[in-house]
PDB file of N, CA and C in Angstrom:
ATOM      1  N   MET A   1      -4.643  31.865   8.459  1.00  0.00           N
ATOM      2  CA  MET A   1      -5.571  32.871   7.453  1.00  0.00           C
ATOM      3  C   MET A   1      -6.701  33.516   7.728  1.00  0.00           C
ATOM      4  N   HIS A   2      -7.014  34.657   7.560  1.00  0.00           N
ATOM      5  CA  HIS A   2      -8.395  35.121   7.835  1.00  0.00           C
ATOM      6  C   HIS A   2      -9.050  35.176   6.897  1.00  0.00           C
ATOM      7  N   ASP A   3     -10.496  35.043   6.230  1.00  0.00           N
ATOM      8  CA  ASP A   3     -10.905  35.692   5.208  1.00  0.00           C
ATOM      9  C   ASP A   3     -12.281  36.288   5.540  1.00  0.00           C
ATOM     10  N   ASP A   4     -12.208  37.792   4.812  1.00  0.00           N
ATOM     11  CA  ASP A   4     -13.686  38.181   5.272  1.00  0.00           C
ATOM     12  C   ASP A   4     -14.424  37.389   4.934  1.00  0.00           C
ATOM     13  N   PRO A   5     -16.012  37.629   5.924  1.00  0.00           N
ATOM     14  CA  PRO A   5     -16.910  36.586   5.285  1.00  0.00           C
ATOM     15  C   PRO A   5     -17.369  36.635   3.977  1.00  0.00           C
ATOM     16  N   GLY A   6     -17.409  37.708   3.411  1.00  0.00           N
ATOM     17  CA  GLY A   6     -17.606  37.943   1.831  1.00  0.00           C
ATOM     18  C   GLY A   6     -17.106  37.344   0.952  1.00  0.00           C
ATOM     19  N   THR A   7     -15.406  36.826   1.693  1.00  0.00           N
ATOM     20  CA  THR A   7     -14.469  36.461   0.609  1.00  0.00           C
ATOM     21  C   THR A   7     -14.616  34.799   0.722  1.00  0.00           C
ATOM     22  N   ARG A   8     -15.141  34.382   1.332  1.00  0.00           N
ATOM     23  CA  ARG A   8     -14.864  32.856   2.376  1.00  0.00           C
ATOM     24  C   ARG A   8     -15.286  31.867   1.085  1.00  0.00           C
ATOM     25  N   ARG A   9     -14.567  30.735   0.924  1.00  0.00           N
ATOM     26  CA  ARG A   9     -15.074  29.857  -0.259  1.00  0.00           C
ATOM     27  C   ARG A   9     -14.595  28.698   0.392  1.00  0.00           C
ATOM     28  N   PRO A  10     -15.604  27.454  -0.239  1.00  0.00           N
ATOM     29  CA  PRO A  10     -15.225  26.472   0.288  1.00  0.00           C
ATOM     30  C   PRO A  10     -13.797  25.846   0.345  1.00  0.00           C
ATOM     31  N   ARG A  11     -13.285  25.726   1.319  1.00  0.00           N
ATOM     32  CA  ARG A  11     -11.618  25.180   1.297  1.00  0.00           C
ATOM     33  C   ARG A  11     -11.227  23.720   1.240  1.00  0.00           C
ATOM     34  N   HIS A  12     -12.317  22.854   1.659  1.00  0.00           N
ATOM     35  CA  HIS A  12     -11.895  21.247   1.295  1.00  0.00           C
ATOM     36  C   HIS A  12     -11.949  21.383  -0.093  1.00  0.00           C
ATOM     37  N   LEU A  13     -12.666  22.020  -1.084  1.00  0.00           N
ATOM     38  CA  LEU A  13     -12.562  21.671  -2.605  1.00  0.00           C
ATOM     39  C   LEU A  13     -10.849  22.068  -3.111  1.00  0.00           C
ATOM     40  N   GLU A  14     -10.303  22.916  -2.235  1.00  0.00           N
ATOM     41  CA  GLU A  14      -8.926  23.607  -2.405  1.00  0.00           C
ATOM     42  C   GLU A  14      -7.779  22.231  -2.151  1.00  0.00           C
ATOM     43  N   VAL A  15      -8.046  21.141  -1.315  1.00  0.00           N
ATOM     44  CA  VAL A  15      -7.194  20.460  -0.728  1.00  0.00           C
ATOM     45  C   VAL A  15      -7.357  19.379  -1.366  1.00  0.00           C
ATOM     46  N   SER A  16      -8.785  18.881  -1.941  1.00  0.00           N
ATOM     47  CA  SER A  16      -9.244  18.114  -2.717  1.00  0.00           C
ATOM     48  C   SER A  16      -8.451  17.779  -3.803  1.00  0.00           C
ATOM     49  N   GLN A  17      -8.590  19.286  -4.200  1.00  0.00           N
ATOM     50  CA  GLN A  17      -7.723  19.325  -5.981  1.00  0.00           C
ATOM     51  C   GLN A  17      -6.432  19.407  -5.849  1.00  0.00           C
ATOM     52  N   ALA A  18      -5.766  19.548  -4.749  1.00  0.00           N
ATOM     53  CA  ALA A  18      -4.313  19.640  -4.311  1.00  0.00           C
ATOM     54  C   ALA A  18      -3.887  18.625  -4.279  1.00  0.00           C
ATOM     55  N   GLU A  19      -2.401  18.925  -4.896  1.00  0.00           N
ATOM     56  CA  GLU A  19      -1.734  17.718  -4.616  1.00  0.00           C
ATOM     57  C   GLU A  19      -1.418  17.243  -3.104  1.00  0.00           C
ATOM     58  N   ALA A  20      -1.865  16.046  -2.589  1.00  0.00           N
ATOM     59  CA  ALA A  20      -1.533  16.030  -0.896  1.00  0.00           C
ATOM     60  C   ALA A  20       0.121  15.510  -0.501  1.00  0.00           C
ATOM     61  N   ALA A  21       0.492  16.055   0.320  1.00  0.00           N
ATOM     62  CA  ALA A  21       1.662  15.889   0.926  1.00  0.00           C
ATOM     63  C   ALA A  21       1.374  15.161   1.922  1.00  0.00           C
ATOM     64  N   LEU A  22       1.215  13.597   0.883  1.00  0.00           N
ATOM     65  CA  LEU A  22       1.308  12.458   1.642  1.00  0.00           C
ATOM     66  C   LEU A  22       2.453  11.660   1.953  1.00  0.00           C
ATOM     67  N   PRO A  23       2.415  10.768   2.718  1.00  0.00           N
ATOM     68  CA  PRO A  23       3.794   9.464   3.021  1.00  0.00           C
ATOM     69  C   PRO A  23       3.458   8.640   1.933  1.00  0.00           C
ATOM     70  N   GLY A  24       5.055   8.138   1.251  1.00  0.00           N
ATOM     71  CA  GLY A  24       5.112   7.708   0.128  1.00  0.00           C
ATOM     72  C   GLY A  24       4.851   6.149   0.415  1.00  0.00           C
ATOM     73  N   ASP A  25       4.514   5.557   1.614  1.00  0.00           N
ATOM     74  CA  ASP A  25       4.272   4.440   1.293  1.00  0.00           C
ATOM     75  C   ASP A  25       2.858   4.322   1.692  1.00  0.00           C
ATOM     76  N   LEU A  26       1.535   4.829   0.927  1.00  0.00           N
ATOM     77  CA  LEU A  26       0.575   4.712   0.769  1.00  0.00           C
ATOM     78  C   LEU A  26      -0.141   3.970   0.266  1.00  0.00           C
ATOM     79  N   ASP A  27      -0.599   3.191   0.073  1.00  0.00           N
ATOM     80  CA  ASP A  27      -1.180   2.324  -1.503  1.00  0.00           C
ATOM     81  C   ASP A  27      -2.502   3.686  -1.844  1.00  0.00           C
ATOM     82  N   ALA A  28      -2.659   3.126  -3.321  1.00  0.00           N
ATOM     83  CA  ALA A  28      -3.538   4.231  -3.984  1.00  0.00           C
ATOM     84  C   ALA A  28      -4.992   4.507  -3.323  1.00  0.00           C
ATOM     85  N   ARG A  29      -5.765   3.489  -2.549  1.00  0.00           N
ATOM     86  CA  ARG A  29      -6.776   3.648  -2.014  1.00  0.00           C
ATOM     87  C   ARG A  29      -6.689   4.153  -0.305  1.00  0.00           C
ATOM     88  N   ASP A  30      -5.551   4.048   0.679  1.00  0.00           N
ATOM     89  CA  ASP A  30      -5.203   4.611   1.553  1.00  0.00           C
ATOM     90  C   ASP A  30      -4.944   5.904   1.321  1.00  0.00           C
ATOM     91  N   ALA A  31      -4.496   5.921   0.494  1.00  0.00           N
ATOM     92  CA  ALA A  31      -3.883   7.758  -0.232  1.00  0.00           C
ATOM     93  C   ALA A  31      -5.173   8.473  -0.659  1.00  0.00           C
ATOM     94  N   GLU A  32      -6.611   7.844  -0.851  1.00  0.00           N
ATOM     95  CA  GLU A  32      -7.920   8.260  -1.382  1.00  0.00           C
ATOM     96  C   GLU A  32      -8.237   8.774  -0.086  1.00  0.00           C
ATOM     97  N   LEU A  33      -8.405   7.584   1.086  1.00  0.00           N
ATOM     98  CA  LEU A  33      -8.905   7.899   1.913  1.00  0.00           C
ATOM     99  C   LEU A  33      -8.385   9.206   2.815  1.00  0.00           C
ATOM    100  N   ALA A  34      -6.562   9.330   3.517  1.00  0.00           N
ATOM    101  CA  ALA A  34      -6.301  10.183   3.602  1.00  0.00           C
ATOM    102  C   ALA A  34      -6.180  11.295   2.850  1.00  0.00           C
ATOM    103  N   GLU A  35      -6.176  11.769   1.807  1.00  0.00           N
ATOM    104  CA  GLU A  35      -6.759  12.977   1.155  1.00  0.00           C
ATOM    105  C   GLU A  35      -8.292  13.183   1.239  1.00  0.00           C
ATOM    106  N   ALA A  36      -9.336  12.084   1.581  1.00  0.00           N
ATOM    107  CA  ALA A  36     -10.674  12.511   2.189  1.00  0.00           C
ATOM    108  C   ALA A  36     -10.798  13.299   3.739  1.00  0.00           C
ATOM    109  N   VAL A  37     -10.160  12.611   4.119  1.00  0.00           N
ATOM    110  CA  VAL A  37      -9.519  13.211   5.594  1.00  0.00           C
ATOM    111  C   VAL A  37      -8.875  13.996   5.899  1.00  0.00           C
ATOM    112  N   ARG A  38      -8.110  14.664   4.790  1.00  0.00           N
ATOM    113  CA  ARG A  38      -7.460  16.092   4.587  1.00  0.00           C
ATOM    114  C   ARG A  38      -8.803  16.989   4.155  1.00  0.00           C
ATOM    115  N   ALA A  39      -9.372  16.801   2.456  1.00  0.00           N
ATOM    116  CA  ALA A  39     -10.459  17.268   2.589  1.00  0.00           C
ATOM    117  C   ALA A  39     -11.473  17.659   4.063  1.00  0.00           C
ATOM    118  N   ALA A  40     -11.820  16.811   4.488  1.00  0.00           N
ATOM    119  CA  ALA A  40     -12.727  16.864   5.585  1.00  0.00           C
ATOM    120  C   ALA A  40     -12.417  17.777   6.319  1.00  0.00           C
ATOM    121  N   ALA A  41     -11.052  18.065   7.301  1.00  0.00           N
ATOM    122  CA  ALA A  41     -10.118  18.825   8.052  1.00  0.00           C
ATOM    123  C   ALA A  41     -10.388  20.319   7.590  1.00  0.00           C
ATOM    124  N   ALA A  42      -9.951  20.426   6.308  1.00  0.00           N
ATOM    125  CA  ALA A  42      -9.920  21.864   5.911  1.00  0.00           C
ATOM    126  C   ALA A  42     -11.707  22.434   5.857  1.00  0.00           C
ATOM    127  N   GLY A  43     -12.415  21.537   5.610  1.00  0.00           N
ATOM    128  CA  GLY A  43     -13.654  22.152   4.939  1.00  0.00           C
ATOM    129  C   GLY A  43     -14.870  22.353   6.027  1.00  0.00           C
ATOM    130  N   ILE A  44     -14.842  21.852   7.537  1.00  0.00           N
ATOM    131  CA  ILE A  44     -15.308  22.054   8.753  1.00  0.00           C
ATOM    132  C   ILE A  44     -14.826  23.140   9.527  1.00  0.00           C
ATOM    133  N   GLN A  45     -15.202  23.846  10.460  1.00  0.00           N
ATOM    134  CA  GLN A  45     -15.138  24.534  11.775  1.00  0.00           C
ATOM    135  C   GLN A  45     -14.479  23.813  12.853  1.00  0.00           C
ATOM    136  N   GLY A  46     -13.370  24.102  13.000  1.00  0.00           N
ATOM    137  CA  GLY A  46     -12.934  23.353  14.421  1.00  0.00           C
ATOM    138  C   GLY A  46     -12.651  21.930  14.400  1.00  0.00           C
ATOM    139  N   GLU A  47     -12.531  21.433  15.649  1.00  0.00           N
ATOM    140  CA  GLU A  47     -11.782  19.661  15.358  1.00  0.00           C
ATOM    141  C   GLU A  47     -12.467  18.981  14.419  1.00  0.00           C
ATOM    142  N   LEU A  48     -11.974  18.288  14.085  1.00  0.00           N
ATOM    143  CA  LEU A  48     -12.491  16.894  13.044  1.00  0.00           C
ATOM    144  C   LEU A  48     -12.519  15.560  13.768  1.00  0.00           C
ATOM    145  N   THR A  49     -14.343  15.917  14.265  1.00  0.00           N
ATOM    146  CA  THR A  49     -14.508  14.347  15.706  1.00  0.00           C
ATOM    147  C   THR A  49     -15.183  13.494  14.474  1.00  0.00           C
ATOM    148  N   PRO A  50     -15.276  11.972  14.468  1.00  0.00           N
ATOM    149  CA  PRO A  50     -16.307  11.282  13.873  1.00  0.00           C
ATOM    150  C   PRO A  50     -17.766  12.309  13.552  1.00  0.00           C
ATOM    151  N   ALA A  51     -18.259  12.886  14.430  1.00  0.00           N
ATOM    152  CA  ALA A  51     -19.695  13.546  14.228  1.00  0.00           C
ATOM    153  C   ALA A  51     -19.450  14.706  13.049  1.00  0.00           C
ATOM    154  N   ALA A  52     -18.601  15.044  13.081  1.00  0.00           N
ATOM    155  CA  ALA A  52     -18.244  16.480  12.493  1.00  0.00           C
ATOM    156  C   ALA A  52     -17.930  15.863  11.193  1.00  0.00           C
ATOM    157  N   TYR A  53     -17.226  14.598  10.804  1.00  0.00           N
ATOM    158  CA  TYR A  53     -16.895  13.923   9.342  1.00  0.00           C
ATOM    159  C   TYR A  53     -18.348  13.292   9.161  1.00  0.00           C
ATOM    160  N   ALA A  54     -18.995  13.019   9.804  1.00  0.00           N
ATOM    161  CA  ALA A  54     -20.683  12.199   9.259  1.00  0.00           C
ATOM    162  C   ALA A  54     -21.392  13.439   8.689  1.00  0.00           C
ATOM    163  N   GLU A  55     -20.998  14.381   9.526  1.00  0.00           N
ATOM    164  CA  GLU A  55     -21.900  15.824   8.690  1.00  0.00           C
ATOM    165  C   GLU A  55     -21.197  16.663   7.645  1.00  0.00           C
ATOM    166  N   PHE A  56     -19.788  16.301   7.456  1.00  0.00           N
ATOM    167  CA  PHE A  56     -19.364  16.617   6.226  1.00  0.00           C
ATOM    168  C   PHE A  56     -19.478  15.766   4.887  1.00  0.00           C
ATOM    169  N   ARG A  57     -19.787  14.347   5.439  1.00  0.00           N
ATOM    170  CA  ARG A  57     -19.674  13.744   4.211  1.00  0.00           C
ATOM    171  C   ARG A  57     -21.240  13.417   4.028  1.00  0.00           C
ATOM    172  N   GLU A  58     -22.663  13.767   4.745  1.00  0.00           N
ATOM    173  CA  GLU A  58     -23.682  14.242   4.203  1.00  0.00           C
ATOM    174  C   GLU A  58     -23.896  15.209   3.259  1.00  0.00           C
ATOM    175  N   ARG A  59     -22.940  15.890   2.901  1.00  0.00           N
ATOM    176  CA  ARG A  59     -23.246  17.397   1.958  1.00  0.00           C
ATOM    177  C   ARG A  59     -23.046  16.646   0.745  1.00  0.00           C
ATOM    178  N   ASP A  60     -21.940  15.398   0.645  1.00  0.00           N
ATOM    179  CA  ASP A  60     -21.662  14.528  -0.714  1.00  0.00           C
ATOM    180  C   ASP A  60     -22.117  13.331  -0.417  1.00  0.00           C
ATOM    181  N   PRO A  61     -22.400  12.813   0.055  1.00  0.00           N
ATOM    182  CA  PRO A  61     -22.174  11.238   0.497  1.00  0.00           C
ATOM    183  C   PRO A  61     -21.392  10.317  -0.416  1.00  0.00           C
ATOM    184  N   ASP A  62     -21.966  10.211  -1.896  1.00  0.00           N
ATOM    185  CA  ASP A  62     -21.331   9.945  -3.115  1.00  0.00           C
ATOM    186  C   ASP A  62     -19.576   9.954  -3.140  1.00  0.00           C
ATOM    187  N   ARG A  63     -19.277  10.919  -2.849  1.00  0.00           N
ATOM    188  CA  ARG A  63     -17.583  11.422  -3.018  1.00  0.00           C
ATOM    189  C   ARG A  63     -16.946  10.974  -2.060  1.00  0.00           C
ATOM    190  N   TRP A  64     -17.310  11.035  -0.779  1.00  0.00           N
ATOM    191  CA  TRP A  64     -16.772  10.724   0.353  1.00  0.00           C
ATOM    192  C   TRP A  64     -16.378   9.305   0.938  1.00  0.00           C
ATOM    193  N   PRO A  65     -15.871   8.754   1.681  1.00  0.00           N
ATOM    194  CA  PRO A  65     -15.602   7.908   1.388  1.00  0.00           C
ATOM    195  C   PRO A  65     -16.827   7.749   3.213  1.00  0.00           C
ATOM    196  N   ARG A  66     -16.954   6.560   3.578  1.00  0.00           N
ATOM    197  CA  ARG A  66     -17.586   6.376   4.802  1.00  0.00           C
ATOM    198  C   ARG A  66     -16.365   6.298   6.245  1.00  0.00           C
ATOM    199  N   LEU A  67     -17.174   6.714   7.440  1.00  0.00           N
ATOM    200  CA  LEU A  67     -16.326   6.656   8.165  1.00  0.00           C
ATOM    201  C   LEU A  67     -15.779   5.382   8.401  1.00  0.00           C
ATOM    202  N   GLU A  68     -16.846   4.669   8.572  1.00  0.00           N
ATOM    203  CA  GLU A  68     -15.945   3.231   8.986  1.00  0.00           C
ATOM    204  C   GLU A  68     -15.188   2.763   8.226  1.00  0.00           C
ATOM    205  N   GLU A  69     -15.183   2.667   6.814  1.00  0.00           N
ATOM    206  CA  GLU A  69     -14.190   2.422   5.701  1.00  0.00           C
ATOM    207  C   GLU A  69     -12.725   3.119   6.244  1.00  0.00           C
ATOM    208  N   ILE A  70     -12.784   4.396   6.579  1.00  0.00           N
ATOM    209  CA  ILE A  70     -11.635   5.149   7.093  1.00  0.00           C
ATOM    210  C   ILE A  70     -11.167   4.524   8.596  1.00  0.00           C
ATOM    211  N   GLU A  71     -11.901   4.288   9.168  1.00  0.00           N
ATOM    212  CA  GLU A  71     -11.828   3.697  10.789  1.00  0.00           C
ATOM    213  C   GLU A  71     -11.346   2.097  10.524  1.00  0.00           C
ATOM    214  N   GLU A  72     -11.732   1.678   9.572  1.00  0.00           N
ATOM    215  CA  GLU A  72     -11.543   0.056   9.648  1.00  0.00           C
ATOM    216  C   GLU A  72     -10.025  -0.127   8.993  1.00  0.00           C
ATOM    217  N   ARG A  73      -9.435   1.070   7.762  1.00  0.00           N
ATOM    218  CA  ARG A  73      -8.452   0.589   7.357  1.00  0.00           C
ATOM    219  C   ARG A  73      -7.198   1.152   8.227  1.00  0.00           C
ATOM    220  N   PHE A  74      -7.244   2.260   9.053  1.00  0.00           N
ATOM    221  CA  PHE A  74      -6.517   3.191   9.898  1.00  0.00           C
ATOM    222  C   PHE A  74      -6.637   2.859  11.623  1.00  0.00           C
ATOM    223  N   GLY A  75      -7.503   2.227  11.690  1.00  0.00           N
ATOM    224  CA  GLY A  75      -7.944   1.988  13.169  1.00  0.00           C
ATOM    225  C   GLY A  75      -8.503   3.370  13.857  1.00  0.00           C
ATOM    226  N   SER A  76      -8.641   4.375  13.841  1.00  0.00           N
ATOM    227  CA  SER A  76      -9.604   5.766  14.060  1.00  0.00           C
ATOM    228  C   SER A  76      -8.758   6.889  13.115  1.00  0.00           C
ATOM    229  N   LEU A  77     -10.053   7.619  13.351  1.00  0.00           N
ATOM    230  CA  LEU A  77      -9.924   8.895  12.847  1.00  0.00           C
ATOM    231  C   LEU A  77      -8.467   9.802  12.680  1.00  0.00           C
ATOM    232  N   GLY A  78      -8.366   9.361  14.295  1.00  0.00           N
ATOM    233  CA  GLY A  78      -7.047  10.026  14.515  1.00  0.00           C
ATOM    234  C   GLY A  78      -5.505   9.564  13.726  1.00  0.00           C
ATOM    235  N   ALA A  79      -5.957   8.306  13.756  1.00  0.00           N
ATOM    236  CA  ALA A  79      -4.806   7.549  12.839  1.00  0.00           C
ATOM    237  C   ALA A  79      -4.822   8.151  11.677  1.00  0.00           C
ATOM    238  N   ALA A  80      -5.846   8.266  10.872  1.00  0.00           N
ATOM    239  CA  ALA A  80      -6.279   8.348   9.691  1.00  0.00           C
ATOM    240  C   ALA A  80      -5.505  10.200   9.376  1.00  0.00           C
ATOM    241  N   LEU A  81      -5.620  10.698  10.510  1.00  0.00           N
ATOM    242  CA  LEU A  81      -5.362  12.268  10.557  1.00  0.00           C
ATOM    243  C   LEU A  81      -3.710  12.050  10.197  1.00  0.00           C
ATOM    244  N   GLY A  82      -3.371  11.591  11.043  1.00  0.00           N
ATOM    245  CA  GLY A  82      -1.818  11.510  11.232  1.00  0.00           C
ATOM    246  C   GLY A  82      -1.434  10.943   9.972  1.00  0.00           C
ATOM    247  N   GLU A  83      -2.007  10.029   8.849  1.00  0.00           N
ATOM    248  CA  GLU A  83      -1.501   9.639   8.223  1.00  0.00           C
ATOM    249  C   GLU A  83      -1.757  10.577   6.825  1.00  0.00           C
ATOM    250  N   ALA A  84      -2.911  11.496   7.209  1.00  0.00           N
ATOM    251  CA  ALA A  84      -3.180  12.308   6.037  1.00  0.00           C
ATOM    252  C   ALA A  84      -1.918  13.577   6.614  1.00  0.00           C
ATOM    253  N   GLY A  85      -1.147  13.861   7.519  1.00  0.00           N
ATOM    254  CA  GLY A  85      -0.331  14.595   7.851  1.00  0.00           C
ATOM    255  C   GLY A  85      -1.027  15.531   8.601  1.00  0.00           C
ATOM    256  N   ILE A  86      -1.783  15.185   9.093  1.00  0.00           N
ATOM    257  CA  ILE A  86      -2.438  16.422  10.232  1.00  0.00           C
ATOM    258  C   ILE A  86      -2.154  15.848  11.622  1.00  0.00           C
ATOM    259  N   ASN A  87      -1.609  16.747  12.102  1.00  0.00           N
ATOM    260  CA  ASN A  87      -0.713  16.714  13.406  1.00  0.00           C
ATOM    261  C   ASN A  87      -2.183  17.395  14.532  1.00  0.00           C
ATOM    262  N   VAL A  88      -2.653  16.127  15.125  1.00  0.00           N
ATOM    263  CA  VAL A  88      -3.780  16.676  16.468  1.00  0.00           C
ATOM    264  C   VAL A  88      -2.886  16.303  17.567  1.00  0.00           C
ATOM    265  N   PRO A  89      -2.580  16.921  18.828  1.00  0.00           N
ATOM    266  CA  PRO A  89      -2.178  16.241  19.974  1.00  0.00           C
ATOM    267  C   PRO A  89      -2.836  15.851  20.622  1.00  0.00           C
ATOM    268  N   GLY A  90      -2.184  14.573  21.161  1.00  0.00           N
ATOM    269  CA  GLY A  90      -3.155  13.695  21.699  1.00  0.00           C
ATOM    270  C   GLY A  90      -4.324  13.151  21.364  1.00  0.00           C
ATOM    271  N   ARG A  91      -4.129  12.340  19.981  1.00  0.00           N
ATOM    272  CA  ARG A  91      -4.964  12.154  19.396  1.00  0.00           C
ATOM    273  C   ARG A  91      -4.506  10.533  18.906  1.00  0.00           C
ATOM    274  N   SER A  92      -5.588   9.314  18.825  1.00  0.00           N
ATOM    275  CA  SER A  92      -5.104   8.328  18.443  1.00  0.00           C
ATOM    276  C   SER A  92      -5.991   7.494  17.482  1.00  0.00           C
TER     277      SER A  92
END
């Protein structure tokens, strides 16, 4: 997808407001965390690393969960990306 500079819009809002295609076996809080990871992945330029997520979260810290909570629940940011349906080869 290519947006001309004058037509770019914040994609993380589209993801967070859309119905996420998440696995059905996630409980409500896990689904919320996975949706936050999906929103962050859509809202940054490049790979979603812990540092990139922290920078994304700084924009609205009351809205997005702490990285520590995501890593505690899923084991790592890479595992959370997998649960969110984002395929990142070589990530765990």
